[in-house]
Amino acid sequence: MSDVDIVTVIDGLTSAEARDTAFIAGDMMTEYSVLISPFVVSAEHMRELVTRERLIAAEIARDRIPL
């Protein structure tokens, strides 16, 4: 079974928002039997990943579908 990778970039992300997102993903996995892999990151951290040329940032840029 493959998973659904979801990247969410939030300005001013709080730890509570990141935790809530993980809970929502868990609820969706239970309800729909779909494996969801959330990656929730602050806009500041995402900029840092891009600046440092991290692989995850390059893969997100390559594969993204902006909503």
PDB file of N, CA and C in Angstrom:
ATOM      1  N   MET A   1       0.848  -1.166   0.000  1.00  0.00           N
ATOM      2  CA  MET A   1       0.000   0.000   0.000  1.00  0.00           C
ATOM      3  C   MET A   1       0.897   1.234   0.000  1.00  0.00           C
ATOM      4  N   SER A   2       0.588   2.207  -0.828  1.00  0.00           N
ATOM      5  CA  SER A   2       1.382   3.427  -0.799  1.00  0.00           C
ATOM      6  C   SER A   2       0.679   4.466   0.059  1.00  0.00           C
ATOM      7  N   ASP A   3       1.434   5.488   0.386  1.00  0.00           N
ATOM      8  CA  ASP A   3       0.898   6.508   1.268  1.00  0.00           C
ATOM      9  C   ASP A   3       0.683   7.809   0.505  1.00  0.00           C
ATOM     10  N   VAL A   4       0.016   8.725   1.156  1.00  0.00           N
ATOM     11  CA  VAL A   4      -0.212  10.061   0.611  1.00  0.00           C
ATOM     12  C   VAL A   4       0.656  11.013   1.430  1.00  0.00           C
ATOM     13  N   ASP A   5       1.620  11.638   0.770  1.00  0.00           N
ATOM     14  CA  ASP A   5       2.490  12.605   1.427  1.00  0.00           C
ATOM     15  C   ASP A   5       1.849  13.985   1.331  1.00  0.00           C
ATOM     16  N   ILE A   6       1.696  14.632   2.478  1.00  0.00           N
ATOM     17  CA  ILE A   6       1.087  15.961   2.505  1.00  0.00           C
ATOM     18  C   ILE A   6       2.035  16.907   3.217  1.00  0.00           C
ATOM     19  N   VAL A   7       2.422  17.970   2.526  1.00  0.00           N
ATOM     20  CA  VAL A   7       3.275  19.003   3.107  1.00  0.00           C
ATOM     21  C   VAL A   7       2.402  20.219   3.374  1.00  0.00           C
ATOM     22  N   THR A   8       2.479  20.710   4.602  1.00  0.00           N
ATOM     23  CA  THR A   8       1.747  21.907   4.977  1.00  0.00           C
ATOM     24  C   THR A   8       2.744  22.901   5.542  1.00  0.00           C
ATOM     25  N   VAL A   9       2.823  24.073   4.911  1.00  0.00           N
ATOM     26  CA  VAL A   9       3.728  25.127   5.360  1.00  0.00           C
ATOM     27  C   VAL A   9       2.867  26.242   5.949  1.00  0.00           C
ATOM     28  N   ILE A  10       3.122  26.558   7.224  1.00  0.00           N
ATOM     29  CA  ILE A  10       2.285  27.514   7.941  1.00  0.00           C
ATOM     30  C   ILE A  10       3.150  28.632   8.512  1.00  0.00           C
ATOM     31  N   ASP A  11       2.771  29.874   8.217  1.00  0.00           N
ATOM     32  CA  ASP A  11       3.441  31.019   8.840  1.00  0.00           C
ATOM     33  C   ASP A  11       3.159  30.989  10.335  1.00  0.00           C
ATOM     34  N   GLY A  12       4.215  31.113  11.132  1.00  0.00           N
ATOM     35  CA  GLY A  12       4.038  31.171  12.578  1.00  0.00           C
ATOM     36  C   GLY A  12       3.487  29.894  13.180  1.00  0.00           C
ATOM     37  N   LEU A  13       3.864  28.759  12.634  1.00  0.00           N
ATOM     38  CA  LEU A  13       3.372  27.460  13.109  1.00  0.00           C
ATOM     39  C   LEU A  13       3.630  27.285  14.605  1.00  0.00           C
ATOM     40  N   THR A  14       2.611  26.850  15.315  1.00  0.00           N
ATOM     41  CA  THR A  14       2.765  26.544  16.741  1.00  0.00           C
ATOM     42  C   THR A  14       2.857  25.032  16.915  1.00  0.00           C
ATOM     43  N   SER A  15       3.384  24.599  18.048  1.00  0.00           N
ATOM     44  CA  SER A  15       3.468  23.163  18.308  1.00  0.00           C
ATOM     45  C   SER A  15       2.069  22.554  18.404  1.00  0.00           C
ATOM     46  N   ALA A  16       1.104  23.326  18.909  1.00  0.00           N
ATOM     47  CA  ALA A  16      -0.273  22.827  18.988  1.00  0.00           C
ATOM     48  C   ALA A  16      -0.843  22.574  17.595  1.00  0.00           C
ATOM     49  N   GLU A  17      -0.564  23.462  16.645  1.00  0.00           N
ATOM     50  CA  GLU A  17      -1.047  23.274  15.267  1.00  0.00           C
ATOM     51  C   GLU A  17      -0.408  22.037  14.637  1.00  0.00           C
ATOM     52  N   ALA A  18       0.877  21.844  14.872  1.00  0.00           N
ATOM     53  CA  ALA A  18       1.561  20.669  14.323  1.00  0.00           C
ATOM     54  C   ALA A  18       0.972  19.393  14.917  1.00  0.00           C
ATOM     55  N   ARG A  19       0.724  19.390  16.213  1.00  0.00           N
ATOM     56  CA  ARG A  19       0.146  18.234  16.889  1.00  0.00           C
ATOM     57  C   ARG A  19      -1.274  17.963  16.388  1.00  0.00           C
ATOM     58  N   ASP A  20      -2.075  19.016  16.228  1.00  0.00           N
ATOM     59  CA  ASP A  20      -3.439  18.856  15.730  1.00  0.00           C
ATOM     60  C   ASP A  20      -3.447  18.239  14.335  1.00  0.00           C
ATOM     61  N   THR A  21      -2.497  18.636  13.503  1.00  0.00           N
ATOM     62  CA  THR A  21      -2.409  18.085  12.149  1.00  0.00           C
ATOM     63  C   THR A  21      -2.125  16.584  12.192  1.00  0.00           C
ATOM     64  N   ALA A  22      -1.247  16.171  13.094  1.00  0.00           N
ATOM     65  CA  ALA A  22      -0.949  14.740  13.229  1.00  0.00           C
ATOM     66  C   ALA A  22      -2.194  13.980  13.672  1.00  0.00           C
ATOM     67  N   PHE A  23      -2.969  14.557  14.590  1.00  0.00           N
ATOM     68  CA  PHE A  23      -4.205  13.905  15.035  1.00  0.00           C
ATOM     69  C   PHE A  23      -5.213  13.783  13.896  1.00  0.00           C
ATOM     70  N   ILE A  24      -5.328  14.822  13.085  1.00  0.00           N
ATOM     71  CA  ILE A  24      -6.246  14.785  11.942  1.00  0.00           C
ATOM     72  C   ILE A  24      -5.825  13.698  10.963  1.00  0.00           C
ATOM     73  N   ALA A  25      -4.529  13.598  10.694  1.00  0.00           N
ATOM     74  CA  ALA A  25      -4.035  12.550   9.792  1.00  0.00           C
ATOM     75  C   ALA A  25      -4.370  11.174  10.351  1.00  0.00           C
ATOM     76  N   GLY A  26      -4.203  10.991  11.656  1.00  0.00           N
ATOM     77  CA  GLY A  26      -4.547   9.711  12.279  1.00  0.00           C
ATOM     78  C   GLY A  26      -6.023   9.389  12.146  1.00  0.00           C
ATOM     79  N   ASP A  27      -6.861  10.393  12.348  1.00  0.00           N
ATOM     80  CA  ASP A  27      -8.308  10.193  12.190  1.00  0.00           C
ATOM     81  C   ASP A  27      -8.655   9.793  10.763  1.00  0.00           C
ATOM     82  N   MET A  28      -8.016  10.431   9.784  1.00  0.00           N
ATOM     83  CA  MET A  28      -8.298  10.122   8.379  1.00  0.00           C
ATOM     84  C   MET A  28      -7.838   8.707   8.034  1.00  0.00           C
ATOM     85  N   MET A  29      -6.690   8.294   8.598  1.00  0.00           N
ATOM     86  CA  MET A  29      -6.212   6.936   8.341  1.00  0.00           C
ATOM     87  C   MET A  29      -7.211   5.916   8.873  1.00  0.00           C
ATOM     88  N   THR A  30      -7.741   6.183  10.052  1.00  0.00           N
ATOM     89  CA  THR A  30      -8.712   5.272  10.654  1.00  0.00           C
ATOM     90  C   THR A  30     -10.012   5.237   9.859  1.00  0.00           C
ATOM     91  N   GLU A  31     -10.498   6.409   9.487  1.00  0.00           N
ATOM     92  CA  GLU A  31     -11.793   6.501   8.807  1.00  0.00           C
ATOM     93  C   GLU A  31     -11.757   5.984   7.375  1.00  0.00           C
ATOM     94  N   TYR A  32     -10.659   6.277   6.647  1.00  0.00           N
ATOM     95  CA  TYR A  32     -10.614   5.963   5.214  1.00  0.00           C
ATOM     96  C   TYR A  32      -9.638   4.854   4.850  1.00  0.00           C
ATOM     97  N   SER A  33      -8.923   4.296   5.807  1.00  0.00           N
ATOM     98  CA  SER A  33      -7.925   3.246   5.548  1.00  0.00           C
ATOM     99  C   SER A  33      -6.888   3.692   4.519  1.00  0.00           C
ATOM    100  N   VAL A  34      -6.453   4.930   4.656  1.00  0.00           N
ATOM    101  CA  VAL A  34      -5.421   5.488   3.780  1.00  0.00           C
ATOM    102  C   VAL A  34      -4.266   5.945   4.657  1.00  0.00           C
ATOM    103  N   LEU A  35      -3.054   5.547   4.295  1.00  0.00           N
ATOM    104  CA  LEU A  35      -1.883   5.953   5.049  1.00  0.00           C
ATOM    105  C   LEU A  35      -1.485   7.364   4.630  1.00  0.00           C
ATOM    106  N   ILE A  36      -1.542   8.286   5.567  1.00  0.00           N
ATOM    107  CA  ILE A  36      -1.217   9.684   5.299  1.00  0.00           C
ATOM    108  C   ILE A  36       0.058  10.030   6.047  1.00  0.00           C
ATOM    109  N   SER A  37       1.003  10.622   5.325  1.00  0.00           N
ATOM    110  CA  SER A  37       2.276  11.032   5.926  1.00  0.00           C
ATOM    111  C   SER A  37       2.363  12.553   5.911  1.00  0.00           C
ATOM    112  N   PRO A  38       1.929  13.195   7.002  1.00  0.00           N
ATOM    113  CA  PRO A  38       1.981  14.663   7.021  1.00  0.00           C
ATOM    114  C   PRO A  38       3.381  15.170   7.369  1.00  0.00           C
ATOM    115  N   PHE A  39       3.781  16.235   6.717  1.00  0.00           N
ATOM    116  CA  PHE A  39       5.014  16.952   7.038  1.00  0.00           C
ATOM    117  C   PHE A  39       4.585  18.397   7.235  1.00  0.00           C
ATOM    118  N   VAL A  40       4.480  18.797   8.481  1.00  0.00           N
ATOM    119  CA  VAL A  40       4.009  20.142   8.818  1.00  0.00           C
ATOM    120  C   VAL A  40       5.225  20.946   9.259  1.00  0.00           C
ATOM    121  N   VAL A  41       5.411  22.078   8.621  1.00  0.00           N
ATOM    122  CA  VAL A  41       6.613  22.865   8.861  1.00  0.00           C
ATOM    123  C   VAL A  41       6.278  24.352   8.830  1.00  0.00           C
ATOM    124  N   SER A  42       7.010  25.124   9.611  1.00  0.00           N
ATOM    125  CA  SER A  42       6.817  26.574   9.568  1.00  0.00           C
ATOM    126  C   SER A  42       7.419  27.123   8.276  1.00  0.00           C
ATOM    127  N   ALA A  43       6.905  28.263   7.848  1.00  0.00           N
ATOM    128  CA  ALA A  43       7.437  28.906   6.640  1.00  0.00           C
ATOM    129  C   ALA A  43       8.917  29.228   6.830  1.00  0.00           C
ATOM    130  N   GLU A  44       9.285  29.650   8.033  1.00  0.00           N
ATOM    131  CA  GLU A  44      10.683  29.980   8.322  1.00  0.00           C
ATOM    132  C   GLU A  44      11.579  28.751   8.169  1.00  0.00           C
ATOM    133  N   HIS A  45      11.137  27.622   8.714  1.00  0.00           N
ATOM    134  CA  HIS A  45      11.941  26.400   8.615  1.00  0.00           C
ATOM    135  C   HIS A  45      12.023  25.929   7.160  1.00  0.00           C
ATOM    136  N   MET A  46      10.936  26.062   6.424  1.00  0.00           N
ATOM    137  CA  MET A  46      10.961  25.659   5.014  1.00  0.00           C
ATOM    138  C   MET A  46      11.960  26.504   4.239  1.00  0.00           C
ATOM    139  N   ARG A  47      11.980  27.808   4.509  1.00  0.00           N
ATOM    140  CA  ARG A  47      12.972  28.670   3.848  1.00  0.00           C
ATOM    141  C   ARG A  47      14.390  28.217   4.186  1.00  0.00           C
ATOM    142  N   GLU A  48      14.597  27.824   5.433  1.00  0.00           N
ATOM    143  CA  GLU A  48      15.912  27.336   5.848  1.00  0.00           C
ATOM    144  C   GLU A  48      16.284  26.051   5.100  1.00  0.00           C
ATOM    145  N   LEU A  49      15.342  25.156   4.939  1.00  0.00           N
ATOM    146  CA  LEU A  49      15.596  23.916   4.201  1.00  0.00           C
ATOM    147  C   LEU A  49      15.979  24.208   2.755  1.00  0.00           C
ATOM    148  N   VAL A  50      15.290  25.172   2.156  1.00  0.00           N
ATOM    149  CA  VAL A  50      15.595  25.556   0.771  1.00  0.00           C
ATOM    150  C   VAL A  50      16.989  26.177   0.701  1.00  0.00           C
ATOM    151  N   THR A  51      17.279  27.099   1.614  1.00  0.00           N
ATOM    152  CA  THR A  51      18.576  27.781   1.632  1.00  0.00           C
ATOM    153  C   THR A  51      19.724  26.790   1.813  1.00  0.00           C
ATOM    154  N   ARG A  52      19.505  25.800   2.664  1.00  0.00           N
ATOM    155  CA  ARG A  52      20.549  24.807   2.927  1.00  0.00           C
ATOM    156  C   ARG A  52      20.581  23.695   1.878  1.00  0.00           C
ATOM    157  N   GLU A  53      19.717  23.817   0.861  1.00  0.00           N
ATOM    158  CA  GLU A  53      19.645  22.868  -0.249  1.00  0.00           C
ATOM    159  C   GLU A  53      19.425  21.436   0.229  1.00  0.00           C
ATOM    160  N   ARG A  54      18.510  21.282   1.189  1.00  0.00           N
ATOM    161  CA  ARG A  54      18.187  19.962   1.718  1.00  0.00           C
ATOM    162  C   ARG A  54      17.357  19.187   0.685  1.00  0.00           C
ATOM    163  N   LEU A  55      17.560  17.897   0.617  1.00  0.00           N
ATOM    164  CA  LEU A  55      16.886  17.043  -0.359  1.00  0.00           C
ATOM    165  C   LEU A  55      15.373  17.130  -0.236  1.00  0.00           C
ATOM    166  N   ILE A  56      14.857  17.147   0.988  1.00  0.00           N
ATOM    167  CA  ILE A  56      13.401  17.204   1.171  1.00  0.00           C
ATOM    168  C   ILE A  56      12.818  18.444   0.505  1.00  0.00           C
ATOM    169  N   ALA A  57      13.510  19.575   0.598  1.00  0.00           N
ATOM    170  CA  ALA A  57      13.021  20.812  -0.024  1.00  0.00           C
ATOM    171  C   ALA A  57      13.015  20.680  -1.549  1.00  0.00           C
ATOM    172  N   ALA A  58      14.044  20.067  -2.101  1.00  0.00           N
ATOM    173  CA  ALA A  58      14.109  19.872  -3.555  1.00  0.00           C
ATOM    174  C   ALA A  58      12.999  18.932  -4.033  1.00  0.00           C
ATOM    175  N   GLU A  59      12.747  17.873  -3.271  1.00  0.00           N
ATOM    176  CA  GLU A  59      11.682  16.933  -3.650  1.00  0.00           C
ATOM    177  C   GLU A  59      10.312  17.580  -3.561  1.00  0.00           C
ATOM    178  N   ILE A  60      10.107  18.400  -2.554  1.00  0.00           N
ATOM    179  CA  ILE A  60       8.822  19.110  -2.434  1.00  0.00           C
ATOM    180  C   ILE A  60       8.646  20.058  -3.615  1.00  0.00           C
ATOM    181  N   ALA A  61       9.687  20.806  -3.952  1.00  0.00           N
ATOM    182  CA  ALA A  61       9.606  21.744  -5.082  1.00  0.00           C
ATOM    183  C   ALA A  61       9.308  21.002  -6.387  1.00  0.00           C
ATOM    184  N   ARG A  62       9.902  19.836  -6.544  1.00  0.00           N
ATOM    185  CA  ARG A  62       9.727  19.050  -7.768  1.00  0.00           C
ATOM    186  C   ARG A  62       8.330  18.431  -7.864  1.00  0.00           C
ATOM    187  N   ASP A  63       7.832  17.899  -6.764  1.00  0.00           N
ATOM    188  CA  ASP A  63       6.610  17.094  -6.802  1.00  0.00           C
ATOM    189  C   ASP A  63       5.358  17.810  -6.328  1.00  0.00           C
ATOM    190  N   ARG A  64       5.466  19.019  -5.906  1.00  0.00           N
ATOM    191  CA  ARG A  64       4.350  19.693  -5.244  1.00  0.00           C
ATOM    192  C   ARG A  64       3.156  19.934  -6.158  1.00  0.00           C
ATOM    193  N   ILE A  65       2.019  19.976  -5.521  1.00  0.00           N
ATOM    194  CA  ILE A  65       0.770  20.394  -6.161  1.00  0.00           C
ATOM    195  C   ILE A  65       0.172  21.438  -5.230  1.00  0.00           C
ATOM    196  N   PRO A  66       0.452  22.715  -5.509  1.00  0.00           N
ATOM    197  CA  PRO A  66      -0.035  23.780  -4.602  1.00  0.00           C
ATOM    198  C   PRO A  66      -1.562  23.839  -4.580  1.00  0.00           C
ATOM    199  N   LEU A  67      -2.089  24.078  -3.406  1.00  0.00           N
ATOM    200  CA  LEU A  67      -3.547  24.226  -3.259  1.00  0.00           C
ATOM    201  C   LEU A  67      -3.881  25.622  -2.799  1.00  0.00           C
TER     202      LEU A  67
END
